[in-house]
Amino acid sequence: MWARLLGLIGRIPLLWMALIAGWLAVAPIVPEPHLVEKLRMLWQGQLTRAIDIFDLLFHAVPLLLLALRLWIAVRRPPQA
């Protein structure tokens, strides 16, 4: 199951994944990115509402998937 999931993530085009992850990491830009706000709330112990936790995941998961995708790309053996 994990191999299938990693294979699926590995097939996602890197450019699109980077654009989506970058956009969600900084959106909305003004007054401050949601990801920064939610991480600050988490650090201060104020992240208690379900909508805030969902919002943190919504903005952070694409970055985690991008990191996993890059890790897969680096660890993949060179193709002949």
PDB file of N, CA and C in Angstrom:
ATOM      1  N   MET A   1       0.817  -1.188   0.000  1.00  0.00           N
ATOM      2  CA  MET A   1       0.000   0.000   0.000  1.00  0.00           C
ATOM      3  C   MET A   1       0.866   1.259   0.000  1.00  0.00           C
ATOM      4  N   TRP A   2       1.919   1.288   0.846  1.00  0.00           N
ATOM      5  CA  TRP A   2       2.785   2.467   0.908  1.00  0.00           C
ATOM      6  C   TRP A   2       3.539   2.666  -0.393  1.00  0.00           C
ATOM      7  N   ALA A   3       3.979   1.563  -1.005  1.00  0.00           N
ATOM      8  CA  ALA A   3       4.695   1.664  -2.277  1.00  0.00           C
ATOM      9  C   ALA A   3       3.784   2.250  -3.353  1.00  0.00           C
ATOM     10  N   ARG A   4       2.534   1.852  -3.334  1.00  0.00           N
ATOM     11  CA  ARG A   4       1.570   2.382  -4.308  1.00  0.00           C
ATOM     12  C   ARG A   4       1.329   3.872  -4.087  1.00  0.00           C
ATOM     13  N   LEU A   5       1.201   4.273  -2.834  1.00  0.00           N
ATOM     14  CA  LEU A   5       1.001   5.683  -2.506  1.00  0.00           C
ATOM     15  C   LEU A   5       2.222   6.510  -2.889  1.00  0.00           C
ATOM     16  N   LEU A   6       3.410   6.012  -2.575  1.00  0.00           N
ATOM     17  CA  LEU A   6       4.629   6.731  -2.939  1.00  0.00           C
ATOM     18  C   LEU A   6       4.791   6.808  -4.453  1.00  0.00           C
ATOM     19  N   GLY A   7       4.385   5.751  -5.154  1.00  0.00           N
ATOM     20  CA  GLY A   7       4.419   5.777  -6.608  1.00  0.00           C
ATOM     21  C   GLY A   7       3.471   6.818  -7.178  1.00  0.00           C
ATOM     22  N   LEU A   8       2.308   6.946  -6.577  1.00  0.00           N
ATOM     23  CA  LEU A   8       1.332   7.944  -7.009  1.00  0.00           C
ATOM     24  C   LEU A   8       1.872   9.356  -6.779  1.00  0.00           C
ATOM     25  N   ILE A   9       2.446   9.589  -5.621  1.00  0.00           N
ATOM     26  CA  ILE A   9       3.011  10.902  -5.319  1.00  0.00           C
ATOM     27  C   ILE A   9       4.185  11.191  -6.253  1.00  0.00           C
ATOM     28  N   GLY A  10       4.963  10.168  -6.564  1.00  0.00           N
ATOM     29  CA  GLY A  10       6.106  10.342  -7.453  1.00  0.00           C
ATOM     30  C   GLY A  10       5.719  10.680  -8.882  1.00  0.00           C
ATOM     31  N   ARG A  11       4.500  10.400  -9.279  1.00  0.00           N
ATOM     32  CA  ARG A  11       4.044  10.699 -10.637  1.00  0.00           C
ATOM     33  C   ARG A  11       3.494  12.112 -10.784  1.00  0.00           C
ATOM     34  N   ILE A  12       3.277  12.810  -9.692  1.00  0.00           N
ATOM     35  CA  ILE A  12       2.764  14.177  -9.766  1.00  0.00           C
ATOM     36  C   ILE A  12       3.872  15.069 -10.312  1.00  0.00           C
ATOM     37  N   PRO A  13       3.579  15.888 -11.330  1.00  0.00           N
ATOM     38  CA  PRO A  13       4.617  16.773 -11.879  1.00  0.00           C
ATOM     39  C   PRO A  13       5.169  17.711 -10.800  1.00  0.00           C
ATOM     40  N   LEU A  14       6.463  17.776 -10.729  1.00  0.00           N
ATOM     41  CA  LEU A  14       7.132  18.550  -9.688  1.00  0.00           C
ATOM     42  C   LEU A  14       6.820  20.041  -9.785  1.00  0.00           C
ATOM     43  N   LEU A  15       6.753  20.560 -10.995  1.00  0.00           N
ATOM     44  CA  LEU A  15       6.467  21.989 -11.165  1.00  0.00           C
ATOM     45  C   LEU A  15       5.106  22.351 -10.587  1.00  0.00           C
ATOM     46  N   TRP A  16       4.077  21.559 -10.907  1.00  0.00           N
ATOM     47  CA  TRP A  16       2.737  21.853 -10.391  1.00  0.00           C
ATOM     48  C   TRP A  16       2.680  21.721  -8.879  1.00  0.00           C
ATOM     49  N   MET A  17       3.342  20.706  -8.377  1.00  0.00           N
ATOM     50  CA  MET A  17       3.337  20.510  -6.931  1.00  0.00           C
ATOM     51  C   MET A  17       4.025  21.684  -6.227  1.00  0.00           C
ATOM     52  N   ALA A  18       5.131  22.157  -6.790  1.00  0.00           N
ATOM     53  CA  ALA A  18       5.854  23.286  -6.193  1.00  0.00           C
ATOM     54  C   ALA A  18       5.017  24.558  -6.253  1.00  0.00           C
ATOM     55  N   LEU A  19       4.330  24.787  -7.367  1.00  0.00           N
ATOM     56  CA  LEU A  19       3.491  25.983  -7.483  1.00  0.00           C
ATOM     57  C   LEU A  19       2.335  25.963  -6.487  1.00  0.00           C
ATOM     58  N   ILE A  20       1.675  24.838  -6.382  1.00  0.00           N
ATOM     59  CA  ILE A  20       0.544  24.732  -5.452  1.00  0.00           C
ATOM     60  C   ILE A  20       1.016  24.853  -4.007  1.00  0.00           C
ATOM     61  N   ALA A  21       2.096  24.166  -3.670  1.00  0.00           N
ATOM     62  CA  ALA A  21       2.611  24.225  -2.301  1.00  0.00           C
ATOM     63  C   ALA A  21       3.076  25.642  -1.952  1.00  0.00           C
ATOM     64  N   GLY A  22       3.752  26.282  -2.892  1.00  0.00           N
ATOM     65  CA  GLY A  22       4.210  27.653  -2.640  1.00  0.00           C
ATOM     66  C   GLY A  22       3.059  28.621  -2.472  1.00  0.00           C
ATOM     67  N   TRP A  23       2.047  28.471  -3.319  1.00  0.00           N
ATOM     68  CA  TRP A  23       0.898  29.365  -3.231  1.00  0.00           C
ATOM     69  C   TRP A  23       0.163  29.189  -1.904  1.00  0.00           C
ATOM     70  N   LEU A  24      -0.097  27.950  -1.516  1.00  0.00           N
ATOM     71  CA  LEU A  24      -0.825  27.721  -0.272  1.00  0.00           C
ATOM     72  C   LEU A  24       0.012  28.067   0.958  1.00  0.00           C
ATOM     73  N   ALA A  25       1.324  28.045   0.826  1.00  0.00           N
ATOM     74  CA  ALA A  25       2.175  28.404   1.959  1.00  0.00           C
ATOM     75  C   ALA A  25       2.099  29.895   2.268  1.00  0.00           C
ATOM     76  N   VAL A  26       1.888  30.725   1.254  1.00  0.00           N
ATOM     77  CA  VAL A  26       1.878  32.173   1.485  1.00  0.00           C
ATOM     78  C   VAL A  26       0.489  32.790   1.426  1.00  0.00           C
ATOM     79  N   ALA A  27      -0.511  32.052   0.978  1.00  0.00           N
ATOM     80  CA  ALA A  27      -1.854  32.623   0.836  1.00  0.00           C
ATOM     81  C   ALA A  27      -2.560  32.694   2.175  1.00  0.00           C
ATOM     82  N   PRO A  28      -3.307  33.690   2.472  1.00  0.00           N
ATOM     83  CA  PRO A  28      -3.286  35.013   1.864  1.00  0.00           C
ATOM     84  C   PRO A  28      -2.065  35.787   2.338  1.00  0.00           C
ATOM     85  N   ILE A  29      -1.537  36.603   1.475  1.00  0.00           N
ATOM     86  CA  ILE A  29      -0.278  37.287   1.762  1.00  0.00           C
ATOM     87  C   ILE A  29      -0.464  38.389   2.800  1.00  0.00           C
ATOM     88  N   VAL A  30      -1.575  39.116   2.742  1.00  0.00           N
ATOM     89  CA  VAL A  30      -1.815  40.234   3.646  1.00  0.00           C
ATOM     90  C   VAL A  30      -2.897  39.834   4.628  1.00  0.00           C
ATOM     91  N   PRO A  31      -2.844  40.087   5.889  1.00  0.00           N
ATOM     92  CA  PRO A  31      -1.780  40.769   6.622  1.00  0.00           C
ATOM     93  C   PRO A  31      -0.580  39.864   6.922  1.00  0.00           C
ATOM     94  N   GLU A  32      -0.790  38.542   7.036  1.00  0.00           N
ATOM     95  CA  GLU A  32       0.328  37.609   7.143  1.00  0.00           C
ATOM     96  C   GLU A  32      -0.148  36.253   6.637  1.00  0.00           C
ATOM     97  N   PRO A  33       0.758  35.460   6.105  1.00  0.00           N
ATOM     98  CA  PRO A  33       0.335  34.148   5.587  1.00  0.00           C
ATOM     99  C   PRO A  33      -0.323  33.295   6.671  1.00  0.00           C
ATOM    100  N   HIS A  34      -1.357  32.554   6.269  1.00  0.00           N
ATOM    101  CA  HIS A  34      -2.080  31.702   7.219  1.00  0.00           C
ATOM    102  C   HIS A  34      -1.149  30.689   7.868  1.00  0.00           C
ATOM    103  N   LEU A  35      -0.232  30.147   7.104  1.00  0.00           N
ATOM    104  CA  LEU A  35       0.668  29.132   7.655  1.00  0.00           C
ATOM    105  C   LEU A  35       1.517  29.719   8.778  1.00  0.00           C
ATOM    106  N   VAL A  36       2.003  30.917   8.596  1.00  0.00           N
ATOM    107  CA  VAL A  36       2.786  31.578   9.649  1.00  0.00           C
ATOM    108  C   VAL A  36       1.908  31.835  10.869  1.00  0.00           C
ATOM    109  N   GLU A  37       0.700  32.325  10.624  1.00  0.00           N
ATOM    110  CA  GLU A  37      -0.232  32.616  11.714  1.00  0.00           C
ATOM    111  C   GLU A  37      -0.577  31.349  12.502  1.00  0.00           C
ATOM    112  N   LYS A  38      -0.884  30.269  11.785  1.00  0.00           N
ATOM    113  CA  LYS A  38      -1.291  29.027  12.468  1.00  0.00           C
ATOM    114  C   LYS A  38      -0.110  28.381  13.193  1.00  0.00           C
ATOM    115  N   LEU A  39       1.078  28.460  12.625  1.00  0.00           N
ATOM    116  CA  LEU A  39       2.250  27.922  13.325  1.00  0.00           C
ATOM    117  C   LEU A  39       2.554  28.727  14.592  1.00  0.00           C
ATOM    118  N   ARG A  40       2.360  30.048  14.504  1.00  0.00           N
ATOM    119  CA  ARG A  40       2.542  30.876  15.705  1.00  0.00           C
ATOM    120  C   ARG A  40       1.508  30.516  16.764  1.00  0.00           C
ATOM    121  N   MET A  41       0.261  30.310  16.341  1.00  0.00           N
ATOM    122  CA  MET A  41      -0.789  29.906  17.283  1.00  0.00           C
ATOM    123  C   MET A  41      -0.461  28.551  17.910  1.00  0.00           C
ATOM    124  N   LEU A  42       0.054  27.631  17.108  1.00  0.00           N
ATOM    125  CA  LEU A  42       0.434  26.312  17.616  1.00  0.00           C
ATOM    126  C   LEU A  42       1.552  26.448  18.638  1.00  0.00           C
ATOM    127  N   TRP A  43       2.539  27.266  18.330  1.00  0.00           N
ATOM    128  CA  TRP A  43       3.676  27.475  19.235  1.00  0.00           C
ATOM    129  C   TRP A  43       3.229  28.099  20.556  1.00  0.00           C
ATOM    130  N   GLN A  44       2.236  28.976  20.495  1.00  0.00           N
ATOM    131  CA  GLN A  44       1.745  29.654  21.696  1.00  0.00           C
ATOM    132  C   GLN A  44       0.660  28.871  22.423  1.00  0.00           C
ATOM    133  N   GLY A  45       0.257  27.729  21.886  1.00  0.00           N
ATOM    134  CA  GLY A  45      -0.768  26.910  22.526  1.00  0.00           C
ATOM    135  C   GLY A  45      -2.176  27.413  22.322  1.00  0.00           C
ATOM    136  N   GLN A  46      -2.400  28.233  21.309  1.00  0.00           N
ATOM    137  CA  GLN A  46      -3.716  28.803  21.055  1.00  0.00           C
ATOM    138  C   GLN A  46      -4.457  28.090  19.927  1.00  0.00           C
ATOM    139  N   LEU A  47      -3.880  27.057  19.369  1.00  0.00           N
ATOM    140  CA  LEU A  47      -4.501  26.350  18.248  1.00  0.00           C
ATOM    141  C   LEU A  47      -5.432  25.279  18.814  1.00  0.00           C
ATOM    142  N   THR A  48      -6.655  25.688  19.146  1.00  0.00           N
ATOM    143  CA  THR A  48      -7.577  24.773  19.810  1.00  0.00           C
ATOM    144  C   THR A  48      -8.853  24.520  19.015  1.00  0.00           C
ATOM    145  N   ARG A  49      -9.241  25.455  18.162  1.00  0.00           N
ATOM    146  CA  ARG A  49     -10.478  25.273  17.396  1.00  0.00           C
ATOM    147  C   ARG A  49     -10.233  24.339  16.219  1.00  0.00           C
ATOM    148  N   ALA A  50     -11.223  23.544  15.892  1.00  0.00           N
ATOM    149  CA  ALA A  50     -11.108  22.575  14.799  1.00  0.00           C
ATOM    150  C   ALA A  50     -10.835  23.261  13.460  1.00  0.00           C
ATOM    151  N   ILE A  51     -11.445  24.404  13.224  1.00  0.00           N
ATOM    152  CA  ILE A  51     -11.241  25.104  11.951  1.00  0.00           C
ATOM    153  C   ILE A  51      -9.794  25.576  11.821  1.00  0.00           C
ATOM    154  N   ASP A  52      -9.178  25.960  12.924  1.00  0.00           N
ATOM    155  CA  ASP A  52      -7.780  26.392  12.893  1.00  0.00           C
ATOM    156  C   ASP A  52      -6.851  25.214  12.612  1.00  0.00           C
ATOM    157  N   ILE A  53      -7.153  24.070  13.190  1.00  0.00           N
ATOM    158  CA  ILE A  53      -6.341  22.874  12.949  1.00  0.00           C
ATOM    159  C   ILE A  53      -6.481  22.448  11.490  1.00  0.00           C
ATOM    160  N   PHE A  54      -7.717  22.461  10.969  1.00  0.00           N
ATOM    161  CA  PHE A  54      -7.936  22.148   9.557  1.00  0.00           C
ATOM    162  C   PHE A  54      -7.178  23.121   8.666  1.00  0.00           C
ATOM    163  N   ASP A  55      -7.216  24.394   9.004  1.00  0.00           N
ATOM    164  CA  ASP A  55      -6.542  25.418   8.210  1.00  0.00           C
ATOM    165  C   ASP A  55      -5.029  25.205   8.205  1.00  0.00           C
ATOM    166  N   LEU A  56      -4.474  24.843   9.351  1.00  0.00           N
ATOM    167  CA  LEU A  56      -3.045  24.534   9.424  1.00  0.00           C
ATOM    168  C   LEU A  56      -2.714  23.367   8.507  1.00  0.00           C
ATOM    169  N   LEU A  57      -3.507  22.315   8.555  1.00  0.00           N
ATOM    170  CA  LEU A  57      -3.270  21.155   7.692  1.00  0.00           C
ATOM    171  C   LEU A  57      -3.449  21.517   6.218  1.00  0.00           C
ATOM    172  N   PHE A  58      -4.459  22.315   5.912  1.00  0.00           N
ATOM    173  CA  PHE A  58      -4.732  22.708   4.536  1.00  0.00           C
ATOM    174  C   PHE A  58      -3.545  23.436   3.919  1.00  0.00           C
ATOM    175  N   HIS A  59      -2.887  24.279   4.703  1.00  0.00           N
ATOM    176  CA  HIS A  59      -1.767  25.054   4.186  1.00  0.00           C
ATOM    177  C   HIS A  59      -0.431  24.320   4.307  1.00  0.00           C
ATOM    178  N   ALA A  60      -0.311  23.346   5.193  1.00  0.00           N
ATOM    179  CA  ALA A  60       0.963  22.669   5.418  1.00  0.00           C
ATOM    180  C   ALA A  60       1.122  21.368   4.636  1.00  0.00           C
ATOM    181  N   VAL A  61       0.049  20.646   4.403  1.00  0.00           N
ATOM    182  CA  VAL A  61       0.144  19.337   3.745  1.00  0.00           C
ATOM    183  C   VAL A  61       0.764  19.432   2.348  1.00  0.00           C
ATOM    184  N   PRO A  62       0.432  20.423   1.512  1.00  0.00           N
ATOM    185  CA  PRO A  62       1.113  20.493   0.219  1.00  0.00           C
ATOM    186  C   PRO A  62       2.632  20.640   0.344  1.00  0.00           C
ATOM    187  N   LEU A  63       3.096  21.368   1.339  1.00  0.00           N
ATOM    188  CA  LEU A  63       4.540  21.481   1.552  1.00  0.00           C
ATOM    189  C   LEU A  63       5.138  20.145   1.971  1.00  0.00           C
ATOM    190  N   LEU A  64       4.430  19.414   2.808  1.00  0.00           N
ATOM    191  CA  LEU A  64       4.906  18.091   3.214  1.00  0.00           C
ATOM    192  C   LEU A  64       4.926  17.129   2.033  1.00  0.00           C
ATOM    193  N   LEU A  65       3.908  17.189   1.181  1.00  0.00           N
ATOM    194  CA  LEU A  65       3.886  16.349  -0.011  1.00  0.00           C
ATOM    195  C   LEU A  65       5.013  16.721  -0.969  1.00  0.00           C
ATOM    196  N   LEU A  66       5.301  18.011  -1.087  1.00  0.00           N
ATOM    197  CA  LEU A  66       6.417  18.447  -1.925  1.00  0.00           C
ATOM    198  C   LEU A  66       7.736  17.919  -1.386  1.00  0.00           C
ATOM    199  N   ALA A  67       7.918  17.987  -0.076  1.00  0.00           N
ATOM    200  CA  ALA A  67       9.144  17.452   0.532  1.00  0.00           C
ATOM    201  C   ALA A  67       9.251  15.949   0.290  1.00  0.00           C
ATOM    202  N   LEU A  68       8.142  15.240   0.409  1.00  0.00           N
ATOM    203  CA  LEU A  68       8.142  13.801   0.143  1.00  0.00           C
ATOM    204  C   LEU A  68       8.446  13.530  -1.318  1.00  0.00           C
ATOM    205  N   ARG A  69       7.874  14.314  -2.212  1.00  0.00           N
ATOM    206  CA  ARG A  69       8.112  14.155  -3.654  1.00  0.00           C
ATOM    207  C   ARG A  69       9.587  14.380  -3.979  1.00  0.00           C
ATOM    208  N   LEU A  70      10.201  15.400  -3.381  1.00  0.00           N
ATOM    209  CA  LEU A  70      11.626  15.655  -3.607  1.00  0.00           C
ATOM    210  C   LEU A  70      12.472  14.528  -3.035  1.00  0.00           C
ATOM    211  N   TRP A  71      12.082  14.012  -1.888  1.00  0.00           N
ATOM    212  CA  TRP A  71      12.806  12.891  -1.288  1.00  0.00           C
ATOM    213  C   TRP A  71      12.736  11.665  -2.190  1.00  0.00           C
ATOM    214  N   ILE A  72      11.567  11.412  -2.760  1.00  0.00           N
ATOM    215  CA  ILE A  72      11.406  10.293  -3.687  1.00  0.00           C
ATOM    216  C   ILE A  72      12.310  10.491  -4.906  1.00  0.00           C
ATOM    217  N   ALA A  73      12.340  11.710  -5.441  1.00  0.00           N
ATOM    218  CA  ALA A  73      13.143  12.013  -6.629  1.00  0.00           C
ATOM    219  C   ALA A  73      14.634  11.825  -6.360  1.00  0.00           C
ATOM    220  N   VAL A  74      15.082  12.201  -5.177  1.00  0.00           N
ATOM    221  CA  VAL A  74      16.503  12.075  -4.825  1.00  0.00           C
ATOM    222  C   VAL A  74      16.876  10.627  -4.606  1.00  0.00           C
ATOM    223  N   ARG A  75      16.016   9.861  -4.010  1.00  0.00           N
ATOM    224  CA  ARG A  75      16.330   8.463  -3.675  1.00  0.00           C
ATOM    225  C   ARG A  75      16.104   7.502  -4.832  1.00  0.00           C
ATOM    226  N   ARG A  76      15.428   7.956  -5.869  1.00  0.00           N
ATOM    227  CA  ARG A  76      15.154   7.074  -7.011  1.00  0.00           C
ATOM    228  C   ARG A  76      16.468   6.771  -7.737  1.00  0.00           C
ATOM    229  N   PRO A  77      16.714   5.516  -8.040  1.00  0.00           N
ATOM    230  CA  PRO A  77      17.943   5.179  -8.762  1.00  0.00           C
ATOM    231  C   PRO A  77      17.912   5.752 -10.169  1.00  0.00           C
ATOM    232  N   PRO A  78      19.067   6.137 -10.703  1.00  0.00           N
ATOM    233  CA  PRO A  78      19.091   6.696 -12.061  1.00  0.00           C
ATOM    234  C   PRO A  78      18.597   5.684 -13.077  1.00  0.00           C
ATOM    235  N   GLN A  79      17.817   6.171 -14.032  1.00  0.00           N
ATOM    236  CA  GLN A  79      17.276   5.279 -15.056  1.00  0.00           C
ATOM    237  C   GLN A  79      18.250   5.210 -16.224  1.00  0.00           C
ATOM    238  N   ALA A  80      18.415   4.012 -16.747  1.00  0.00           N
ATOM    239  CA  ALA A  80      19.363   3.815 -17.848  1.00  0.00           C
ATOM    240  C   ALA A  80      18.734   4.077 -19.177  1.00  0.00           C
TER     241      ALA A  80
END
